[in-house]
Amino acid sequence: MDQHIFLSCRQSFKFVKLHPEQLLSEPSGWKAARISIGSSLAFFSIYAYFELLYDSGLASMLVIGIAMGTAGFAEILPINRRRLAIVLRVIAIGILVILLVFSLLRLAS
């Protein structure tokens, strides 16, 4: 029974693969950036909607929007700006990690 659970978990996480070479690659262009930029605009819109109508916009929506926008901007840079794209990707990941840590600390207290 335990082996069956292990195999089903293994199969369901089959699509999750880490590729560190993508973090260090040159910018991918508009095709990859449009998802991040669209997500960023969606998070900003959700924040604005709740802030303007209910005065209860979550700051985490802004933070996620900033991180997604930073990642999207890293992808639309020219190909010769590889180092800047790497720095922007690392910043975006760092922003999300900091948000996660603050959220976990808030949950623990």
Protein backbone atom coordinates (compact mmCIF):
# COMPACT_ATOMS: atom_id res chain seq x y z
CA MET A 1 0.00 0.00 0.00
CA ASP A 2 2.79 2.45 0.86
CA GLN A 3 4.55 1.72 -2.40
CA HIS A 4 1.33 2.45 -4.31
CA ILE A 5 1.02 5.85 -2.60
CA PHE A 6 4.66 6.60 -3.34
CA LEU A 7 4.23 5.71 -7.01
CA SER A 8 1.08 7.79 -7.39
CA CYS A 9 2.78 10.79 -5.74
CA ARG A 10 5.79 10.27 -7.96
CA GLN A 11 3.59 10.25 -11.05
CA SER A 12 1.59 13.29 -10.03
CA PHE A 13 4.76 15.35 -9.46
CA LYS A 14 6.30 14.14 -12.70
CA PHE A 15 5.61 17.48 -14.39
CA VAL A 16 7.54 19.40 -11.70
CA LYS A 17 11.14 19.51 -12.84
CA LEU A 18 13.80 21.92 -11.74
CA HIS A 19 15.96 23.33 -14.48
CA PRO A 20 18.66 25.61 -13.07
CA GLU A 21 19.97 26.26 -16.57
CA GLN A 22 16.76 28.19 -17.31
CA LEU A 23 17.55 30.57 -14.48
CA LEU A 24 20.94 31.26 -16.04
CA SER A 25 19.81 31.34 -19.68
CA GLU A 26 19.41 34.33 -21.94
CA PRO A 27 16.02 36.09 -22.05
CA SER A 28 13.35 34.03 -23.80
CA GLY A 29 11.39 36.83 -25.43
CA TRP A 30 7.76 37.87 -25.49
CA LYS A 31 6.34 34.32 -25.58
CA ALA A 32 7.65 33.57 -22.10
CA ALA A 33 7.16 37.10 -20.78
CA ARG A 34 3.47 37.46 -21.62
CA ILE A 35 2.40 34.97 -18.95
CA SER A 36 4.39 36.73 -16.24
CA ILE A 37 3.33 40.21 -17.31
CA GLY A 38 -0.30 39.13 -17.64
CA SER A 39 -0.17 37.55 -14.18
CA SER A 40 1.37 40.71 -12.79
CA LEU A 41 -1.43 42.82 -14.23
CA ALA A 42 -4.00 40.37 -12.84
CA PHE A 43 -2.55 40.61 -9.32
CA PHE A 44 -2.44 44.41 -9.52
CA SER A 45 -6.06 44.41 -10.74
CA ILE A 46 -7.18 42.14 -7.89
CA TYR A 47 -5.46 44.43 -5.40
CA ALA A 48 -6.98 47.56 -6.93
CA TYR A 49 -10.46 46.01 -7.02
CA PHE A 50 -10.47 45.10 -3.35
CA GLU A 51 -8.72 48.29 -2.27
CA LEU A 52 -11.02 50.63 -4.16
CA LEU A 53 -14.31 48.86 -3.43
CA TYR A 54 -13.76 47.37 0.01
CA ASP A 55 -10.69 49.16 1.45
CA SER A 56 -9.15 45.77 2.10
CA GLY A 57 -6.49 45.17 -0.55
CA LEU A 58 -3.83 42.70 0.54
CA ALA A 59 -0.22 43.85 0.33
CA SER A 60 0.75 40.32 -0.67
CA MET A 61 -1.12 40.83 -3.97
CA LEU A 62 1.11 43.81 -4.69
CA VAL A 63 4.24 41.86 -3.76
CA ILE A 64 3.30 38.93 -6.01
CA GLY A 65 2.47 41.38 -8.82
CA ILE A 66 5.87 43.05 -8.44
CA ALA A 67 7.66 39.69 -8.47
CA MET A 68 5.79 38.49 -11.56
CA GLY A 69 6.40 41.80 -13.33
CA THR A 70 10.11 41.62 -12.54
CA ALA A 71 10.30 38.09 -13.94
CA GLY A 72 8.38 39.15 -17.04
CA PHE A 73 10.61 42.15 -17.59
CA ALA A 74 13.65 39.86 -17.35
CA GLU A 75 12.31 37.82 -20.26
CA ILE A 76 11.70 40.73 -22.64
CA LEU A 77 15.21 42.13 -22.35
CA PRO A 78 17.49 41.91 -25.40
CA ILE A 79 19.48 38.68 -25.71
CA ASN A 80 22.77 40.44 -24.93
CA ARG A 81 21.43 41.44 -21.46
CA ARG A 82 21.77 37.94 -20.04
CA ARG A 83 23.35 39.01 -16.71
CA LEU A 84 20.65 41.58 -16.03
CA ALA A 85 18.00 38.95 -16.80
CA ILE A 86 19.64 36.56 -14.31
CA VAL A 87 19.72 39.28 -11.64
CA LEU A 88 16.05 40.16 -12.23
CA ARG A 89 15.01 36.49 -12.04
CA VAL A 90 16.89 36.04 -8.78
CA ILE A 91 15.28 39.21 -7.40
CA ALA A 92 11.82 37.92 -8.35
CA ILE A 93 12.46 34.58 -6.66
CA GLY A 94 13.89 36.38 -3.62
CA ILE A 95 10.80 38.56 -3.34
CA LEU A 96 8.56 35.49 -3.34
CA VAL A 97 10.74 33.67 -0.81
CA ILE A 98 10.66 36.69 1.52
CA LEU A 99 6.86 36.84 1.17
CA LEU A 100 6.66 33.14 2.02
CA VAL A 101 8.89 33.57 5.09
CA PHE A 102 6.88 36.54 6.36
CA SER A 103 3.64 34.64 5.80
CA LEU A 104 4.92 31.61 7.70
CA LEU A 105 6.18 33.79 10.55
CA ARG A 106 2.81 35.50 10.74
CA LEU A 107 1.08 32.11 10.84
CA ALA A 108 3.38 30.87 13.59
CA SER A 109 2.78 33.88 15.84
